[in-house]
Protein backbone atom coordinates (compact mmCIF):
# COMPACT_ATOMS: atom_id res chain seq x y z
CA MET A 1 -17.73 -35.85 -3.36
CA ARG A 2 -18.77 -32.86 -1.27
CA HIS A 3 -22.43 -32.81 -0.27
CA THR A 4 -24.29 -29.52 -0.70
CA SER A 5 -27.44 -28.92 1.33
CA THR A 6 -30.71 -27.87 -0.27
CA SER A 7 -30.69 -24.51 1.48
CA ARG A 8 -27.21 -23.83 0.12
CA LYS A 9 -28.34 -24.64 -3.43
CA VAL A 10 -31.36 -22.34 -3.08
CA PHE A 11 -29.14 -19.53 -1.78
CA VAL A 12 -26.65 -19.92 -4.64
CA VAL A 13 -29.43 -19.84 -7.26
CA CYS A 14 -31.19 -16.83 -5.73
CA ASN A 15 -27.94 -14.96 -5.12
CA THR A 16 -26.75 -15.60 -8.69
CA ASN A 17 -30.05 -14.43 -10.17
CA PHE A 18 -30.00 -11.30 -8.02
CA LEU A 19 -26.43 -10.37 -8.95
CA VAL A 20 -27.02 -11.05 -12.66
CA THR A 21 -30.15 -8.88 -12.55
CA MET A 22 -28.29 -6.01 -10.86
CA ALA A 23 -25.44 -6.29 -13.38
CA LEU A 24 -27.91 -6.13 -16.30
CA LEU A 25 -29.60 -3.08 -14.78
CA CYS A 26 -26.22 -1.33 -14.87
CA ILE A 27 -25.07 -2.57 -18.29
CA ILE A 28 -28.29 -2.19 -20.34
CA PRO A 29 -28.58 1.64 -20.01
CA LEU A 30 -24.93 2.03 -20.98
CA TRP A 31 -25.36 -0.31 -23.94
CA ASN A 32 -28.45 1.64 -25.05
CA LEU A 33 -26.51 4.91 -24.79
CA LEU A 34 -23.69 3.41 -26.90
CA ALA A 35 -26.20 2.31 -29.56
CA ILE A 36 -27.77 5.80 -29.65
CA SER A 37 -24.35 7.39 -30.11
CA PHE A 38 -23.80 5.36 -33.29
CA SER A 39 -27.33 5.94 -34.65
CA GLY A 40 -28.63 8.56 -37.06
CA LYS A 41 -30.09 11.83 -35.78
CA SER A 42 -33.71 11.07 -36.69
CA ALA A 43 -33.65 7.60 -35.10
CA ALA A 44 -32.02 8.90 -31.93
CA ASN A 45 -34.48 11.78 -31.53
CA SER A 46 -37.50 9.54 -32.12
CA GLY A 47 -36.45 7.07 -29.41
CA ALA A 48 -36.49 4.13 -31.82
CA VAL A 49 -33.03 2.88 -30.81
CA THR A 50 -32.93 -0.01 -28.32
CA PHE A 51 -29.87 -2.27 -28.29
CA TRP A 52 -28.53 -1.86 -31.82
CA PRO A 53 -27.75 1.31 -33.79
CA ILE A 54 -30.18 2.47 -36.51
CA ASP A 55 -28.70 4.24 -39.54
CA PHE A 56 -25.18 3.54 -38.25
CA THR A 57 -22.90 6.58 -38.32
CA PRO A 58 -19.79 7.64 -36.34
CA LEU A 59 -20.53 11.33 -36.95
CA ALA A 60 -21.09 12.08 -33.24
CA TYR A 61 -17.58 10.86 -32.32
CA VAL A 62 -16.00 12.65 -35.28
CA LYS A 63 -17.51 15.97 -34.15
CA THR A 64 -16.51 15.30 -30.54
CA PHE A 65 -12.85 14.64 -31.31
CA ASN A 66 -12.72 17.58 -33.70
CA ASN A 67 -13.83 19.87 -30.88
CA ASN A 68 -10.81 21.68 -29.43
CA ASN A 69 -12.55 22.13 -26.08
CA PHE A 70 -12.90 18.35 -25.71
CA ILE A 71 -9.20 17.74 -26.44
CA ARG A 72 -8.26 20.56 -24.05
CA SER A 73 -10.42 19.10 -21.29
CA MET A 74 -8.78 15.68 -21.75
CA ILE A 75 -5.32 17.24 -21.45
CA ILE A 76 -6.35 19.14 -18.32
CA ALA A 77 -7.79 15.96 -16.80
CA PHE A 78 -4.55 14.07 -17.48
CA LEU A 79 -2.34 16.82 -16.04
CA ARG A 80 -4.61 17.27 -13.05
CA THR A 81 -4.46 13.56 -12.25
CA SER A 82 -0.72 13.09 -12.74
CA LEU A 83 0.60 16.35 -11.23
CA GLY A 84 -2.04 16.38 -8.49
CA THR A 85 -1.14 12.84 -7.42
CA LEU A 86 2.60 13.56 -7.34
CA LEU A 87 2.16 16.77 -5.33
CA SER A 88 -0.31 15.16 -2.95
CA MET A 89 2.01 12.22 -2.28
CA PHE A 90 4.94 14.57 -1.63
CA VAL A 91 2.96 16.77 0.78
CA ILE A 92 1.32 13.90 2.66
CA THR A 93 4.51 11.84 2.90
CA THR A 94 6.69 14.65 4.23
CA ALA A 95 3.97 15.81 6.66
CA GLY A 96 3.33 12.25 7.83
CA TYR A 97 7.05 11.68 8.42
CA ALA A 98 7.34 14.88 10.46
CA LEU A 99 4.19 14.21 12.52
CA SER A 100 5.29 10.65 13.28
CA LYS A 101 7.99 12.17 15.53
CA GLU A 102 7.56 13.50 19.05
CA PHE A 103 8.06 17.27 19.33
CA ARG A 104 6.55 20.19 21.23
CA GLY A 105 3.29 21.37 19.65
CA ARG A 106 2.70 18.17 17.71
CA THR A 107 -0.69 17.43 19.31
CA PRO A 108 -2.26 20.89 18.65
CA LEU A 109 -0.92 20.78 15.09
CA MET A 110 -2.44 17.33 14.55
CA TRP A 111 -5.81 18.48 15.92
CA PHE A 112 -5.64 21.46 13.55
CA PHE A 113 -5.40 19.04 10.63
CA VAL A 114 -8.15 16.78 11.99
CA PHE A 115 -10.44 19.80 12.33
CA THR A 116 -10.16 20.43 8.60
CA MET A 117 -11.27 16.84 7.99
CA LEU A 118 -14.35 17.16 10.21
CA PHE A 119 -15.46 20.68 9.25
CA GLY A 120 -15.36 22.49 5.91
CA GLY A 121 -15.81 26.18 5.17
CA GLY A 122 -18.32 25.60 2.39
CA LEU A 123 -18.50 26.53 -1.28
CA ILE A 124 -18.50 30.35 -1.02
CA PRO A 125 -15.64 30.65 1.54
CA SER A 126 -13.58 28.21 -0.55
CA TYR A 127 -14.21 30.30 -3.66
CA MET A 128 -13.20 33.50 -1.83
CA VAL A 129 -9.96 31.89 -0.59
CA ASN A 130 -9.08 30.65 -4.08
CA VAL A 131 -9.73 34.11 -5.56
CA SER A 132 -7.62 35.81 -2.89
CA LEU A 133 -4.76 33.41 -3.68
CA GLY A 134 -4.94 34.29 -7.37
CA LEU A 135 -6.20 30.86 -8.43
CA LYS A 136 -9.19 32.11 -10.39
CA ASN A 137 -8.89 31.06 -14.05
CA ASN A 138 -5.64 29.35 -13.09
CA PHE A 139 -4.77 25.70 -13.74
CA LEU A 140 -3.32 25.37 -10.22
CA VAL A 141 -6.84 25.62 -8.78
CA TYR A 142 -7.25 21.96 -9.79
CA ILE A 143 -4.12 20.89 -7.88
CA LEU A 144 -3.31 23.04 -4.85
CA PRO A 145 -6.64 22.91 -2.91
CA GLY A 146 -6.66 19.12 -2.99
CA ALA A 147 -2.96 18.55 -2.38
CA PHE A 148 -3.50 17.74 1.30
CA GLY A 149 -5.83 15.09 2.71
CA CYS A 150 -5.95 14.54 6.47
CA TYR A 151 -7.27 10.98 6.22
CA ASN A 152 -4.34 9.90 4.02
CA LEU A 153 -1.99 11.77 6.35
CA ILE A 154 -3.19 9.73 9.33
CA LEU A 155 -2.70 6.48 7.42
CA ILE A 156 0.87 7.18 6.34
CA MET A 157 1.77 8.70 9.73
CA ASN A 158 0.70 5.48 11.50
CA PHE A 159 2.75 3.48 8.99
CA PHE A 160 5.86 5.53 9.77
CA LYS A 161 5.25 5.06 13.50
CA SER A 162 5.35 1.28 13.06
CA ILE A 163 8.96 1.40 11.77
CA PRO A 164 11.53 0.85 14.55
CA LYS A 165 13.18 4.09 15.67
CA SER A 166 16.50 2.30 15.91
CA LEU A 167 16.76 2.18 12.11
CA GLU A 168 16.51 5.97 11.90
CA GLU A 169 18.85 6.50 14.84
CA ALA A 170 21.50 4.30 13.25
CA ALA A 171 21.23 6.20 9.95
CA LEU A 172 21.46 9.60 11.69
CA ILE A 173 24.56 8.48 13.57
CA ASP A 174 26.12 7.52 10.23
CA GLY A 175 25.57 11.09 9.00
CA ALA A 176 22.32 10.72 7.04
CA SER A 177 19.95 13.68 6.90
CA PHE A 178 16.24 13.43 7.68
CA PHE A 179 15.37 13.52 3.98
CA THR A 180 17.87 10.72 3.34
CA VAL A 181 16.29 8.64 6.10
CA LEU A 182 12.84 9.25 4.63
CA ARG A 183 13.94 8.40 1.09
CA LYS A 184 16.18 5.40 1.78
CA ILE A 185 14.70 3.82 4.92
CA TYR A 186 11.07 4.79 5.44
CA LEU A 187 9.79 4.81 1.87
CA PRO A 188 11.40 1.78 0.15
CA LEU A 189 10.63 -1.78 1.11
CA SER A 190 13.59 -4.07 1.68
CA ASN A 191 14.68 -5.43 -1.71
CA GLU A 192 15.44 -8.81 -0.18
CA ALA A 193 12.00 -9.02 1.45
CA LEU A 194 10.33 -7.86 -1.75
CA LYS A 195 12.17 -10.53 -3.76
CA TRP A 196 10.79 -13.36 -1.65
CA MET A 197 7.27 -12.03 -1.18
CA PRO A 198 4.68 -13.78 -3.40
CA GLU A 199 2.34 -11.95 -5.76
CA ARG A 200 -0.60 -10.52 -3.83
CA GLY A 201 -3.17 -11.10 -6.58
CA ASP A 202 -6.68 -10.69 -5.16
CA LYS A 203 -5.50 -10.69 -1.53
CA THR A 204 -6.30 -7.83 0.81
CA ALA A 205 -4.11 -6.14 3.42
CA ASP A 206 -5.57 -8.42 6.14
CA ASP A 207 -4.52 -11.66 4.41
CA HIS A 208 -1.33 -13.51 5.29
CA VAL A 209 1.72 -12.88 3.12
CA PHE A 210 2.63 -16.58 3.06
CA ASP A 211 -0.09 -19.26 3.15
CA LEU A 212 1.40 -21.92 5.40
CA PRO A 213 -0.46 -25.16 6.19
CA SER A 214 -1.77 -25.59 9.71
CA GLY A 215 0.45 -28.63 10.31
CA ILE A 216 3.67 -26.97 9.16
CA ASN A 217 5.66 -28.39 12.08
CA GLN A 218 4.63 -31.92 11.14
CA LEU A 219 5.89 -31.32 7.61
CA ILE A 220 9.21 -29.93 8.86
CA LYS A 221 10.07 -33.03 10.91
CA PRO A 222 10.74 -35.32 7.92
CA TRP A 223 12.74 -32.51 6.27
CA ALA A 224 14.92 -32.19 9.37
CA LYS A 225 15.36 -35.96 9.55
CA ALA A 226 16.37 -36.09 5.89
CA ALA A 227 18.91 -33.32 6.54
CA GLY A 228 20.41 -35.26 9.45
CA ILE A 229 19.13 -32.89 12.15
CA SER A 230 18.42 -34.84 15.31
CA LYS A 231 17.49 -31.90 17.53
CA ARG A 232 13.92 -30.67 18.04
CA PHE A 233 13.12 -28.61 14.96
CA THR A 234 10.01 -26.41 14.43
CA PHE A 235 9.01 -23.50 12.22
CA HIS A 236 9.81 -21.19 15.15
CA THR A 237 13.47 -22.06 14.56
CA ALA A 238 13.37 -19.61 11.65
CA ARG A 239 13.31 -16.76 14.19
CA HIS A 240 16.49 -18.06 15.81
CA THR A 241 18.15 -18.39 12.41
CA PHE A 242 17.12 -14.86 11.48
CA ALA A 243 18.44 -13.37 14.74
CA THR A 244 21.78 -15.20 14.54
CA MET A 245 22.18 -14.27 10.87
CA MET A 246 21.48 -10.57 11.52
CA LEU A 247 24.01 -10.40 14.39
CA THR A 248 26.61 -12.29 12.35
CA LEU A 249 26.16 -9.81 9.48
CA GLY A 250 26.84 -6.91 11.87
CA ALA A 251 23.39 -5.65 12.92
CA ASP A 252 23.38 -4.12 16.40
CA LEU A 253 21.68 -5.93 19.27
CA TYR A 254 18.98 -3.30 19.87
CA THR A 255 17.85 -3.28 16.24
CA VAL A 256 17.63 -7.09 16.14
CA SER A 257 15.58 -7.08 19.35
CA LYS A 258 13.07 -4.68 17.77
CA LEU A 259 12.89 -6.73 14.56
CA LEU A 260 12.06 -9.80 16.64
CA GLY A 261 9.51 -7.91 18.71
CA HIS A 262 11.33 -8.48 22.00
CA THR A 263 10.31 -6.23 24.90
CA SER A 264 13.82 -6.33 26.35
CA VAL A 265 17.32 -6.56 24.90
CA LYS A 266 18.10 -9.26 27.48
CA MET A 267 15.98 -11.73 25.48
CA THR A 268 18.10 -11.03 22.39
CA GLN A 269 21.44 -11.41 24.18
CA VAL A 270 21.04 -15.19 23.91
CA TYR A 271 21.73 -14.94 20.19
CA ALA A 272 24.72 -12.66 20.81
CA LYS A 273 26.24 -15.38 23.01
CA ILE A 274 25.84 -17.84 20.12
CA VAL A 275 27.67 -15.46 17.77
CA ASN A 276 30.44 -14.91 20.33
CA LYS A 277 30.84 -18.68 20.70
CA LYS A 278 31.28 -18.95 16.94
CA LYS A 279 34.03 -16.32 17.14
CA ASP A 280 35.74 -18.23 19.95
CA ASP A 281 35.56 -21.45 17.94
CA ALA A 282 37.08 -19.67 14.93
CA VAL A 283 39.99 -18.34 17.03
CA ASN A 284 40.54 -21.75 18.63
CA LEU A 285 41.14 -23.25 15.19
CA THR A 286 44.72 -21.97 15.49
CA ASN A 287 45.36 -24.02 18.66
CA GLY A 288 48.32 -26.32 18.20
CA LEU A 289 49.23 -24.79 14.84
CA PHE A 290 52.78 -23.90 15.93
CA ASP A 291 53.40 -26.84 18.28
């Protein structure tokens, strides 16, 4: 049985009491407001309502939902959220893909975007710009001004930079356009990788994808022995299997080297020699066939 120190017990009790108190301070006002909304007019105005409704009536909600302005505001909120999100993702994704490439004028253009993140024109200049663009009393005023966010642009641009350039180069050689590369290579995650990835649950981006025990190599040894493998066998062997499999399936040497994180293609040529040996062995199967 695990022993818990006295200081740990005191901390748990104090921390629990503190968190429960803070939660109640947030919930009680909302509960009181809910009780007032279901109470009669006289009881609500007199302040007699605490935690339970007095003279229960749903009249306040009936009047609210019968108000055309309320329904209209809900529709606008829904459209603003859905259309604004779609437009923002399109603008940020295409801009991030373009800025992840090296071209003349990229640095000044990037600093132009960063400047908008650090400094804003203020309320009155923003209003004047919206009026000059014809967005006054226009639904698009909810969508267009917030369609671009520099912080999100930087995040997605760095993600695109982490993808090996060889994947894009191979697609361009095969005749794919830049939009095809963006849609079919940069945006989707490999279906095979996605199939084997576990559910993230409450994990964060810093957590490991697979939770492997610290003594994984010790666990692999009896598996290798049971499979009749007498050679030295560790979890690192999975990298060799992956490299050989990719080259056997037709992936080019440079792409495999980048997937493995090799600094030089020379390190990856070892696996190419293994694949070539397999080809030689396959051809040699015909030796003596016509003797």
